Amino acid sequence: LNVSREAALDHVLGYCVVNDVSERAWQAERGGQWTKGKSFPNFCP
């Protein structure tokens, strides 16, 4: 909370691969809400 850029990486446990799966019609054509197009089950391997 309110950490500096210089101290930021001290708060990281580690790194991994993510697939940010997206449904573009839901994201862009159903009210322009990104979360709506990003939140179906298994959309974050």
ModelCIF file with pLDDT and N, C-alpha, C, O atoms, coordinates in Angstrom:
data_MODEL
#
_entry.id   MODEL 
#
_entity.id                         1 
_entity.type                       polymer 
_entity.pdbx_number_of_molecules   1 
#
_entity_poly.entity_id                      1 
_entity_poly.type                           'polypeptide(L)' 
_entity_poly.nstd_linkage                   no 
_entity_poly.nstd_monomer                   no 
_entity_poly.pdbx_seq_one_letter_code       LNVSREAALDHVLGYCVVNDVSERAWQAERGGQWTKGKSFPNFCP 
_entity_poly.pdbx_seq_one_letter_code_can   LNVSREAALDHVLGYCVVNDVSERAWQAERGGQWTKGKSFPNFCP 
_entity_poly.pdbx_strand_id                 A 
#
loop_
_entity_poly_seq.entity_id 
_entity_poly_seq.num 
_entity_poly_seq.mon_id 
_entity_poly_seq.hetero 
1 1  LEU n 
1 2  ASN n 
1 3  VAL n 
1 4  SER n 
1 5  ARG n 
1 6  GLU n 
1 7  ALA n 
1 8  ALA n 
1 9  LEU n 
1 10 ASP n 
1 11 HIS n 
1 12 VAL n 
1 13 LEU n 
1 14 GLY n 
1 15 TYR n 
1 16 CYS n 
1 17 VAL n 
1 18 VAL n 
1 19 ASN n 
1 20 ASP n 
1 21 VAL n 
1 22 SER n 
1 23 GLU n 
1 24 ARG n 
1 25 ALA n 
1 26 TRP n 
1 27 GLN n 
1 28 ALA n 
1 29 GLU n 
1 30 ARG n 
1 31 GLY n 
1 32 GLY n 
1 33 GLN n 
1 34 TRP n 
1 35 THR n 
1 36 LYS n 
1 37 GLY n 
1 38 LYS n 
1 39 SER n 
1 40 PHE n 
1 41 PRO n 
1 42 ASN n 
1 43 PHE n 
1 44 CYS n 
1 45 PRO n 
#
_struct_asym.id          A 
_struct_asym.entity_id   1 
#
loop_
_ma_qa_metric.id 
_ma_qa_metric.mode 
_ma_qa_metric.name 
_ma_qa_metric.software_group_id 
_ma_qa_metric.type 
1 global pLDDT . pLDDT 
2 local  pLDDT . pLDDT 
#
_ma_qa_metric_global.metric_id      1 
_ma_qa_metric_global.metric_value   95.69 
_ma_qa_metric_global.model_id       1 
_ma_qa_metric_global.ordinal_id     1 
#
loop_
_ma_qa_metric_local.label_asym_id 
_ma_qa_metric_local.label_comp_id 
_ma_qa_metric_local.label_seq_id 
_ma_qa_metric_local.metric_id 
_ma_qa_metric_local.metric_value 
_ma_qa_metric_local.model_id 
_ma_qa_metric_local.ordinal_id 
A LEU 1  2 98.00 1 1  
A ASN 2  2 98.00 1 2  
A VAL 3  2 98.00 1 3  
A SER 4  2 98.00 1 4  
A ARG 5  2 98.00 1 5  
A GLU 6  2 98.00 1 6  
A ALA 7  2 98.00 1 7  
A ALA 8  2 98.00 1 8  
A LEU 9  2 97.00 1 9  
A ASP 10 2 96.00 1 10 
A HIS 11 2 97.00 1 11 
A VAL 12 2 97.00 1 12 
A LEU 13 2 95.00 1 13 
A GLY 14 2 96.00 1 14 
A TYR 15 2 98.00 1 15 
A CYS 16 2 98.00 1 16 
A VAL 17 2 98.00 1 17 
A VAL 18 2 98.00 1 18 
A ASN 19 2 98.00 1 19 
A ASP 20 2 98.00 1 20 
A VAL 21 2 98.00 1 21 
A SER 22 2 97.00 1 22 
A GLU 23 2 97.00 1 23 
A ARG 24 2 96.00 1 24 
A ALA 25 2 96.00 1 25 
A TRP 26 2 96.00 1 26 
A GLN 27 2 94.00 1 27 
A ALA 28 2 91.00 1 28 
A GLU 29 2 94.00 1 29 
A ARG 30 2 92.00 1 30 
A GLY 31 2 89.00 1 31 
A GLY 32 2 79.00 1 32 
A GLN 33 2 82.00 1 33 
A TRP 34 2 89.00 1 34 
A THR 35 2 93.00 1 35 
A LYS 36 2 95.00 1 36 
A GLY 37 2 96.00 1 37 
A LYS 38 2 97.00 1 38 
A SER 39 2 97.00 1 39 
A PHE 40 2 98.00 1 40 
A PRO 41 2 98.00 1 41 
A ASN 42 2 98.00 1 42 
A PHE 43 2 98.00 1 43 
A CYS 44 2 98.00 1 44 
A PRO 45 2 98.00 1 45 
#
loop_
_atom_site.group_PDB 
_atom_site.id 
_atom_site.type_symbol 
_atom_site.label_atom_id 
_atom_site.label_alt_id 
_atom_site.label_comp_id 
_atom_site.label_asym_id 
_atom_site.label_entity_id 
_atom_site.label_seq_id 
_atom_site.pdbx_PDB_ins_code 
_atom_site.Cartn_x 
_atom_site.Cartn_y 
_atom_site.Cartn_z 
_atom_site.occupancy 
_atom_site.B_iso_or_equiv 
_atom_site.pdbx_formal_charge 
_atom_site.auth_seq_id 
_atom_site.auth_comp_id 
_atom_site.auth_asym_id 
_atom_site.auth_atom_id 
_atom_site.pdbx_PDB_model_num 
ATOM 1   N N  . LEU A 1 1  ? 0.863   -1.181  0.000   1.00 98.00 ? 1  LEU A N  1 
ATOM 2   C CA . LEU A 1 1  ? 0.000   0.000   0.000   1.00 98.00 ? 1  LEU A CA 1 
ATOM 3   C C  . LEU A 1 1  ? 0.896   1.226   0.000   1.00 98.00 ? 1  LEU A C  1 
ATOM 4   O O  . LEU A 1 1  ? 1.717   1.401   0.900   1.00 98.00 ? 1  LEU A O  1 
ATOM 5   N N  . ASN A 1 2  ? 0.741   2.071   -1.002  1.00 98.00 ? 2  ASN A N  1 
ATOM 6   C CA . ASN A 1 2  ? 1.554   3.283   -1.140  1.00 98.00 ? 2  ASN A CA 1 
ATOM 7   C C  . ASN A 1 2  ? 3.058   2.968   -1.118  1.00 98.00 ? 2  ASN A C  1 
ATOM 8   O O  . ASN A 1 2  ? 3.824   3.611   -0.400  1.00 98.00 ? 2  ASN A O  1 
ATOM 9   N N  . VAL A 1 3  ? 3.462   1.983   -1.904  1.00 98.00 ? 3  VAL A N  1 
ATOM 10  C CA . VAL A 1 3  ? 4.882   1.654   -1.971  1.00 98.00 ? 3  VAL A CA 1 
ATOM 11  C C  . VAL A 1 3  ? 5.533   2.407   -3.131  1.00 98.00 ? 3  VAL A C  1 
ATOM 12  O O  . VAL A 1 3  ? 4.890   2.697   -4.140  1.00 98.00 ? 3  VAL A O  1 
ATOM 13  N N  . SER A 1 4  ? 6.797   2.712   -2.972  1.00 98.00 ? 4  SER A N  1 
ATOM 14  C CA . SER A 1 4  ? 7.537   3.401   -4.032  1.00 98.00 ? 4  SER A CA 1 
ATOM 15  C C  . SER A 1 4  ? 7.891   2.422   -5.136  1.00 98.00 ? 4  SER A C  1 
ATOM 16  O O  . SER A 1 4  ? 7.866   1.208   -4.937  1.00 98.00 ? 4  SER A O  1 
ATOM 17  N N  . ARG A 1 5  ? 8.220   2.963   -6.302  1.00 98.00 ? 5  ARG A N  1 
ATOM 18  C CA . ARG A 1 5  ? 8.664   2.115   -7.401  1.00 98.00 ? 5  ARG A CA 1 
ATOM 19  C C  . ARG A 1 5  ? 9.938   1.371   -7.007  1.00 98.00 ? 5  ARG A C  1 
ATOM 20  O O  . ARG A 1 5  ? 10.116  0.208   -7.370  1.00 98.00 ? 5  ARG A O  1 
ATOM 21  N N  . GLU A 1 6  ? 10.817  2.031   -6.273  1.00 98.00 ? 6  GLU A N  1 
ATOM 22  C CA . GLU A 1 6  ? 12.091  1.428   -5.879  1.00 98.00 ? 6  GLU A CA 1 
ATOM 23  C C  . GLU A 1 6  ? 11.887  0.229   -4.956  1.00 98.00 ? 6  GLU A C  1 
ATOM 24  O O  . GLU A 1 6  ? 12.683  -0.710  -4.979  1.00 98.00 ? 6  GLU A O  1 
ATOM 25  N N  . ALA A 1 7  ? 10.841  0.251   -4.152  1.00 98.00 ? 7  ALA A N  1 
ATOM 26  C CA . ALA A 1 7  ? 10.592  -0.832  -3.197  1.00 98.00 ? 7  ALA A CA 1 
ATOM 27  C C  . ALA A 1 7  ? 9.589   -1.857  -3.714  1.00 98.00 ? 7  ALA A C  1 
ATOM 28  O O  . ALA A 1 7  ? 9.342   -2.866  -3.054  1.00 98.00 ? 7  ALA A O  1 
ATOM 29  N N  . ALA A 1 8  ? 9.014   -1.613  -4.877  1.00 98.00 ? 8  ALA A N  1 
ATOM 30  C CA . ALA A 1 8  ? 7.883   -2.421  -5.340  1.00 98.00 ? 8  ALA A CA 1 
ATOM 31  C C  . ALA A 1 8  ? 8.221   -3.896  -5.506  1.00 98.00 ? 8  ALA A C  1 
ATOM 32  O O  . ALA A 1 8  ? 7.435   -4.752  -5.100  1.00 98.00 ? 8  ALA A O  1 
ATOM 33  N N  . LEU A 1 9  ? 9.374   -4.216  -6.095  1.00 97.00 ? 9  LEU A N  1 
ATOM 34  C CA . LEU A 1 9  ? 9.702   -5.618  -6.360  1.00 97.00 ? 9  LEU A CA 1 
ATOM 35  C C  . LEU A 1 9  ? 9.971   -6.405  -5.077  1.00 97.00 ? 9  LEU A C  1 
ATOM 36  O O  . LEU A 1 9  ? 9.973   -7.636  -5.095  1.00 97.00 ? 9  LEU A O  1 
ATOM 37  N N  . ASP A 1 10 ? 10.196  -5.709  -3.974  1.00 96.00 ? 10 ASP A N  1 
ATOM 38  C CA . ASP A 1 10 ? 10.357  -6.394  -2.692  1.00 96.00 ? 10 ASP A CA 1 
ATOM 39  C C  . ASP A 1 10 ? 9.048   -7.045  -2.240  1.00 96.00 ? 10 ASP A C  1 
ATOM 40  O O  . ASP A 1 10 ? 9.047   -7.875  -1.332  1.00 96.00 ? 10 ASP A O  1 
ATOM 41  N N  . HIS A 1 11 ? 7.945   -6.671  -2.868  1.00 97.00 ? 11 HIS A N  1 
ATOM 42  C CA . HIS A 1 11 ? 6.632   -7.200  -2.510  1.00 97.00 ? 11 HIS A CA 1 
ATOM 43  C C  . HIS A 1 11 ? 6.197   -8.334  -3.425  1.00 97.00 ? 11 HIS A C  1 
ATOM 44  O O  . HIS A 1 11 ? 5.063   -8.804  -3.326  1.00 97.00 ? 11 HIS A O  1 
ATOM 45  N N  . VAL A 1 12 ? 7.083   -8.785  -4.321  1.00 97.00 ? 12 VAL A N  1 
ATOM 46  C CA . VAL A 1 12 ? 6.751   -9.841  -5.276  1.00 97.00 ? 12 VAL A CA 1 
ATOM 47  C C  . VAL A 1 12 ? 7.229   -11.192 -4.757  1.00 97.00 ? 12 VAL A C  1 
ATOM 48  O O  . VAL A 1 12 ? 8.379   -11.332 -4.341  1.00 97.00 ? 12 VAL A O  1 
ATOM 49  N N  . LEU A 1 13 ? 6.337   -12.189 -4.783  1.00 95.00 ? 13 LEU A N  1 
ATOM 50  C CA . LEU A 1 13 ? 6.742   -13.559 -4.476  1.00 95.00 ? 13 LEU A CA 1 
ATOM 51  C C  . LEU A 1 13 ? 7.399   -14.195 -5.699  1.00 95.00 ? 13 LEU A C  1 
ATOM 52  O O  . LEU A 1 13 ? 8.446   -14.831 -5.585  1.00 95.00 ? 13 LEU A O  1 
ATOM 53  N N  . GLY A 1 14 ? 6.782   -14.022 -6.870  1.00 96.00 ? 14 GLY A N  1 
ATOM 54  C CA . GLY A 1 14 ? 7.342   -14.631 -8.068  1.00 96.00 ? 14 GLY A CA 1 
ATOM 55  C C  . GLY A 1 14 ? 6.515   -14.344 -9.301  1.00 96.00 ? 14 GLY A C  1 
ATOM 56  O O  . GLY A 1 14 ? 5.583   -13.541 -9.283  1.00 96.00 ? 14 GLY A O  1 
ATOM 57  N N  . TYR A 1 15 ? 6.887   -15.032 -10.385 1.00 98.00 ? 15 TYR A N  1 
ATOM 58  C CA . TYR A 1 15 ? 6.331   -14.764 -11.714 1.00 98.00 ? 15 TYR A CA 1 
ATOM 59  C C  . TYR A 1 15 ? 5.853   -16.063 -12.350 1.00 98.00 ? 15 TYR A C  1 
ATOM 60  O O  . TYR A 1 15 ? 6.350   -17.141 -12.024 1.00 98.00 ? 15 TYR A O  1 
ATOM 61  N N  . CYS A 1 16 ? 4.883   -15.955 -13.264 1.00 98.00 ? 16 CYS A N  1 
ATOM 62  C CA . CYS A 1 16 ? 4.322   -17.134 -13.911 1.00 98.00 ? 16 CYS A CA 1 
ATOM 63  C C  . CYS A 1 16 ? 3.712   -16.747 -15.257 1.00 98.00 ? 16 CYS A C  1 
ATOM 64  O O  . CYS A 1 16 ? 3.590   -15.567 -15.585 1.00 98.00 ? 16 CYS A O  1 
ATOM 65  N N  . VAL A 1 17 ? 3.333   -17.763 -16.025 1.00 98.00 ? 17 VAL A N  1 
ATOM 66  C CA . VAL A 1 17 ? 2.635   -17.554 -17.295 1.00 98.00 ? 17 VAL A CA 1 
ATOM 67  C C  . VAL A 1 17 ? 1.136   -17.471 -17.026 1.00 98.00 ? 17 VAL A C  1 
ATOM 68  O O  . VAL A 1 17 ? 0.599   -18.233 -16.223 1.00 98.00 ? 17 VAL A O  1 
ATOM 69  N N  . VAL A 1 18 ? 0.462   -16.536 -17.706 1.00 98.00 ? 18 VAL A N  1 
ATOM 70  C CA . VAL A 1 18 ? -0.994  -16.409 -17.616 1.00 98.00 ? 18 VAL A CA 1 
ATOM 71  C C  . VAL A 1 18 ? -1.557  -16.258 -19.030 1.00 98.00 ? 18 VAL A C  1 
ATOM 72  O O  . VAL A 1 18 ? -0.984  -15.560 -19.866 1.00 98.00 ? 18 VAL A O  1 
ATOM 73  N N  . ASN A 1 19 ? -2.680  -16.918 -19.283 1.00 98.00 ? 19 ASN A N  1 
ATOM 74  C CA . ASN A 1 19 ? -3.453  -16.669 -20.492 1.00 98.00 ? 19 ASN A CA 1 
ATOM 75  C C  . ASN A 1 19 ? -4.664  -15.834 -20.090 1.00 98.00 ? 19 ASN A C  1 
ATOM 76  O O  . ASN A 1 19 ? -5.603  -16.348 -19.483 1.00 98.00 ? 19 ASN A O  1 
ATOM 77  N N  . ASP A 1 20 ? -4.642  -14.549 -20.427 1.00 98.00 ? 20 ASP A N  1 
ATOM 78  C CA . ASP A 1 20 ? -5.762  -13.653 -20.117 1.00 98.00 ? 20 ASP A CA 1 
ATOM 79  C C  . ASP A 1 20 ? -6.818  -13.823 -21.215 1.00 98.00 ? 20 ASP A C  1 
ATOM 80  O O  . ASP A 1 20 ? -6.954  -12.981 -22.102 1.00 98.00 ? 20 ASP A O  1 
ATOM 81  N N  . VAL A 1 21 ? -7.557  -14.929 -21.132 1.00 98.00 ? 21 VAL A N  1 
ATOM 82  C CA . VAL A 1 21 ? -8.548  -15.258 -22.157 1.00 98.00 ? 21 VAL A CA 1 
ATOM 83  C C  . VAL A 1 21 ? -9.632  -14.182 -22.187 1.00 98.00 ? 21 VAL A C  1 
ATOM 84  O O  . VAL A 1 21 ? -10.057 -13.680 -21.146 1.00 98.00 ? 21 VAL A O  1 
ATOM 85  N N  . SER A 1 22 ? -10.071 -13.836 -23.404 1.00 97.00 ? 22 SER A N  1 
ATOM 86  C CA . SER A 1 22 ? -11.019 -12.735 -23.572 1.00 97.00 ? 22 SER A CA 1 
ATOM 87  C C  . SER A 1 22 ? -12.110 -13.115 -24.570 1.00 97.00 ? 22 SER A C  1 
ATOM 88  O O  . SER A 1 22 ? -11.848 -13.786 -25.569 1.00 97.00 ? 22 SER A O  1 
ATOM 89  N N  . GLU A 1 23 ? -13.320 -12.682 -24.291 1.00 97.00 ? 23 GLU A N  1 
ATOM 90  C CA . GLU A 1 23 ? -14.401 -12.769 -25.276 1.00 97.00 ? 23 GLU A CA 1 
ATOM 91  C C  . GLU A 1 23 ? -14.626 -11.350 -25.786 1.00 97.00 ? 23 GLU A C  1 
ATOM 92  O O  . GLU A 1 23 ? -15.224 -10.523 -25.098 1.00 97.00 ? 23 GLU A O  1 
ATOM 93  N N  . ARG A 1 24 ? -14.143 -11.073 -26.999 1.00 96.00 ? 24 ARG A N  1 
ATOM 94  C CA . ARG A 1 24 ? -14.076 -9.692  -27.487 1.00 96.00 ? 24 ARG A CA 1 
ATOM 95  C C  . ARG A 1 24 ? -15.455 -9.075  -27.728 1.00 96.00 ? 24 ARG A C  1 
ATOM 96  O O  . ARG A 1 24 ? -15.631 -7.874  -27.524 1.00 96.00 ? 24 ARG A O  1 
ATOM 97  N N  . ALA A 1 25 ? -16.423 -9.863  -28.153 1.00 96.00 ? 25 ALA A N  1 
ATOM 98  C CA . ALA A 1 25 ? -17.761 -9.292  -28.350 1.00 96.00 ? 25 ALA A CA 1 
ATOM 99  C C  . ALA A 1 25 ? -18.337 -8.829  -27.018 1.00 96.00 ? 25 ALA A C  1 
ATOM 100 O O  . ALA A 1 25 ? -18.927 -7.752  -26.927 1.00 96.00 ? 25 ALA A O  1 
ATOM 101 N N  . TRP A 1 26 ? -18.160 -9.647  -25.993 1.00 96.00 ? 26 TRP A N  1 
ATOM 102 C CA . TRP A 1 26 ? -18.643 -9.249  -24.665 1.00 96.00 ? 26 TRP A CA 1 
ATOM 103 C C  . TRP A 1 26 ? -17.868 -8.044  -24.148 1.00 96.00 ? 26 TRP A C  1 
ATOM 104 O O  . TRP A 1 26 ? -18.434 -7.178  -23.480 1.00 96.00 ? 26 TRP A O  1 
ATOM 105 N N  . GLN A 1 27 ? -16.583 -7.988  -24.453 1.00 94.00 ? 27 GLN A N  1 
ATOM 106 C CA . GLN A 1 27 ? -15.726 -6.913  -23.959 1.00 94.00 ? 27 GLN A CA 1 
ATOM 107 C C  . GLN A 1 27 ? -16.039 -5.576  -24.619 1.00 94.00 ? 27 GLN A C  1 
ATOM 108 O O  . GLN A 1 27 ? -16.096 -4.546  -23.947 1.00 94.00 ? 27 GLN A O  1 
ATOM 109 N N  . ALA A 1 28 ? -16.244 -5.589  -25.940 1.00 91.00 ? 28 ALA A N  1 
ATOM 110 C CA . ALA A 1 28 ? -16.328 -4.337  -26.694 1.00 91.00 ? 28 ALA A CA 1 
ATOM 111 C C  . ALA A 1 28 ? -17.720 -3.990  -27.197 1.00 91.00 ? 28 ALA A C  1 
ATOM 112 O O  . ALA A 1 28 ? -17.997 -2.830  -27.499 1.00 91.00 ? 28 ALA A O  1 
ATOM 113 N N  . GLU A 1 29 ? -18.601 -4.988  -27.290 1.00 94.00 ? 29 GLU A N  1 
ATOM 114 C CA . GLU A 1 29 ? -19.892 -4.749  -27.939 1.00 94.00 ? 29 GLU A CA 1 
ATOM 115 C C  . GLU A 1 29 ? -21.075 -4.889  -26.996 1.00 94.00 ? 29 GLU A C  1 
ATOM 116 O O  . GLU A 1 29 ? -22.222 -4.751  -27.421 1.00 94.00 ? 29 GLU A O  1 
ATOM 117 N N  . ARG A 1 30 ? -20.814 -5.160  -25.720 1.00 92.00 ? 30 ARG A N  1 
ATOM 118 C CA . ARG A 1 30 ? -21.893 -5.341  -24.753 1.00 92.00 ? 30 ARG A CA 1 
ATOM 119 C C  . ARG A 1 30 ? -21.794 -4.308  -23.638 1.00 92.00 ? 30 ARG A C  1 
ATOM 120 O O  . ARG A 1 30 ? -21.885 -4.637  -22.456 1.00 92.00 ? 30 ARG A O  1 
ATOM 121 N N  . GLY A 1 31 ? -21.606 -3.049  -24.040 1.00 89.00 ? 31 GLY A N  1 
ATOM 122 C CA . GLY A 1 31 ? -21.549 -1.964  -23.070 1.00 89.00 ? 31 GLY A CA 1 
ATOM 123 C C  . GLY A 1 31 ? -20.148 -1.483  -22.761 1.00 89.00 ? 31 GLY A C  1 
ATOM 124 O O  . GLY A 1 31 ? -19.965 -0.597  -21.926 1.00 89.00 ? 31 GLY A O  1 
ATOM 125 N N  . GLY A 1 32 ? -19.149 -2.061  -23.430 1.00 79.00 ? 32 GLY A N  1 
ATOM 126 C CA . GLY A 1 32 ? -17.785 -1.576  -23.262 1.00 79.00 ? 32 GLY A CA 1 
ATOM 127 C C  . GLY A 1 32 ? -17.179 -1.856  -21.906 1.00 79.00 ? 32 GLY A C  1 
ATOM 128 O O  . GLY A 1 32 ? -16.326 -1.098  -21.444 1.00 79.00 ? 32 GLY A O  1 
ATOM 129 N N  . GLN A 1 33 ? -17.602 -2.932  -21.255 1.00 82.00 ? 33 GLN A N  1 
ATOM 130 C CA . GLN A 1 33 ? -17.068 -3.264  -19.930 1.00 82.00 ? 33 GLN A CA 1 
ATOM 131 C C  . GLN A 1 33 ? -16.066 -4.405  -20.058 1.00 82.00 ? 33 GLN A C  1 
ATOM 132 O O  . GLN A 1 33 ? -16.445 -5.540  -20.348 1.00 82.00 ? 33 GLN A O  1 
ATOM 133 N N  . TRP A 1 34 ? -14.794 -4.106  -19.844 1.00 89.00 ? 34 TRP A N  1 
ATOM 134 C CA . TRP A 1 34 ? -13.746 -5.108  -20.048 1.00 89.00 ? 34 TRP A CA 1 
ATOM 135 C C  . TRP A 1 34 ? -13.930 -6.324  -19.145 1.00 89.00 ? 34 TRP A C  1 
ATOM 136 O O  . TRP A 1 34 ? -13.731 -7.456  -19.586 1.00 89.00 ? 34 TRP A O  1 
ATOM 137 N N  . THR A 1 35 ? -14.306 -6.101  -17.888 1.00 93.00 ? 35 THR A N  1 
ATOM 138 C CA . THR A 1 35 ? -14.461 -7.214  -16.959 1.00 93.00 ? 35 THR A CA 1 
ATOM 139 C C  . THR A 1 35 ? -15.493 -8.211  -17.472 1.00 93.00 ? 35 THR A C  1 
ATOM 140 O O  . THR A 1 35 ? -15.349 -9.415  -17.258 1.00 93.00 ? 35 THR A O  1 
ATOM 141 N N  . LYS A 1 36 ? -16.527 -7.724  -18.144 1.00 95.00 ? 36 LYS A N  1 
ATOM 142 C CA . LYS A 1 36 ? -17.570 -8.596  -18.671 1.00 95.00 ? 36 LYS A CA 1 
ATOM 143 C C  . LYS A 1 36 ? -17.003 -9.591  -19.684 1.00 95.00 ? 36 LYS A C  1 
ATOM 144 O O  . LYS A 1 36 ? -17.455 -10.735 -19.751 1.00 95.00 ? 36 LYS A O  1 
ATOM 145 N N  . GLY A 1 37 ? -16.029 -9.165  -20.459 1.00 96.00 ? 37 GLY A N  1 
ATOM 146 C CA . GLY A 1 37 ? -15.439 -10.026 -21.472 1.00 96.00 ? 37 GLY A CA 1 
ATOM 147 C C  . GLY A 1 37 ? -14.252 -10.834 -20.988 1.00 96.00 ? 37 GLY A C  1 
ATOM 148 O O  . GLY A 1 37 ? -13.614 -11.531 -21.777 1.00 96.00 ? 37 GLY A O  1 
ATOM 149 N N  . LYS A 1 38 ? -13.947 -10.751 -19.710 1.00 97.00 ? 38 LYS A N  1 
ATOM 150 C CA . LYS A 1 38 ? -12.748 -11.393 -19.169 1.00 97.00 ? 38 LYS A CA 1 
ATOM 151 C C  . LYS A 1 38 ? -13.035 -12.385 -18.051 1.00 97.00 ? 38 LYS A C  1 
ATOM 152 O O  . LYS A 1 38 ? -12.093 -12.939 -17.483 1.00 97.00 ? 38 LYS A O  1 
ATOM 153 N N  . SER A 1 39 ? -14.292 -12.630 -17.714 1.00 97.00 ? 39 SER A N  1 
ATOM 154 C CA . SER A 1 39 ? -14.599 -13.265 -16.430 1.00 97.00 ? 39 SER A CA 1 
ATOM 155 C C  . SER A 1 39 ? -15.318 -14.595 -16.504 1.00 97.00 ? 39 SER A C  1 
ATOM 156 O O  . SER A 1 39 ? -15.831 -15.061 -15.487 1.00 97.00 ? 39 SER A O  1 
ATOM 157 N N  . PHE A 1 40 ? -15.378 -15.238 -17.688 1.00 98.00 ? 40 PHE A N  1 
ATOM 158 C CA . PHE A 1 40 ? -16.002 -16.547 -17.797 1.00 98.00 ? 40 PHE A CA 1 
ATOM 159 C C  . PHE A 1 40 ? -15.120 -17.595 -17.109 1.00 98.00 ? 40 PHE A C  1 
ATOM 160 O O  . PHE A 1 40 ? -13.904 -17.416 -17.042 1.00 98.00 ? 40 PHE A O  1 
ATOM 161 N N  . PRO A 1 41 ? -15.708 -18.690 -16.594 1.00 98.00 ? 41 PRO A N  1 
ATOM 162 C CA . PRO A 1 41 ? -14.885 -19.732 -15.972 1.00 98.00 ? 41 PRO A CA 1 
ATOM 163 C C  . PRO A 1 41 ? -13.745 -20.200 -16.879 1.00 98.00 ? 41 PRO A C  1 
ATOM 164 O O  . PRO A 1 41 ? -13.912 -20.341 -18.091 1.00 98.00 ? 41 PRO A O  1 
ATOM 165 N N  . ASN A 1 42 ? -12.586 -20.435 -16.265 1.00 98.00 ? 42 ASN A N  1 
ATOM 166 C CA . ASN A 1 42 ? -11.371 -20.898 -16.935 1.00 98.00 ? 42 ASN A CA 1 
ATOM 167 C C  . ASN A 1 42 ? -10.770 -19.864 -17.884 1.00 98.00 ? 42 ASN A C  1 
ATOM 168 O O  . ASN A 1 42 ? -10.036 -20.228 -18.802 1.00 98.00 ? 42 ASN A O  1 
ATOM 169 N N  . PHE A 1 43 ? -11.068 -18.594 -17.678 1.00 98.00 ? 43 PHE A N  1 
ATOM 170 C CA . PHE A 1 43 ? -10.494 -17.526 -18.503 1.00 98.00 ? 43 PHE A CA 1 
ATOM 171 C C  . PHE A 1 43 ? -9.155  -17.030 -17.960 1.00 98.00 ? 43 PHE A C  1 
ATOM 172 O O  . PHE A 1 43 ? -8.647  -16.003 -18.410 1.00 98.00 ? 43 PHE A O  1 
ATOM 173 N N  . CYS A 1 44 ? -8.573  -17.764 -16.980 1.00 98.00 ? 44 CYS A N  1 
ATOM 174 C CA . CYS A 1 44 ? -7.269  -17.341 -16.446 1.00 98.00 ? 44 CYS A CA 1 
ATOM 175 C C  . CYS A 1 44 ? -6.380  -18.551 -16.137 1.00 98.00 ? 44 CYS A C  1 
ATOM 176 O O  . CYS A 1 44 ? -6.020  -18.762 -14.978 1.00 98.00 ? 44 CYS A O  1 
ATOM 177 N N  . PRO A 1 45 ? -6.018  -19.349 -17.151 1.00 98.00 ? 45 PRO A N  1 
ATOM 178 C CA . PRO A 1 45 ? -5.056  -20.424 -16.910 1.00 98.00 ? 45 PRO A CA 1 
ATOM 179 C C  . PRO A 1 45 ? -3.733  -19.848 -16.399 1.00 98.00 ? 45 PRO A C  1 
ATOM 180 O O  . PRO A 1 45 ? -2.793  -20.598 -16.137 1.00 98.00 ? 45 PRO A O  1 
#
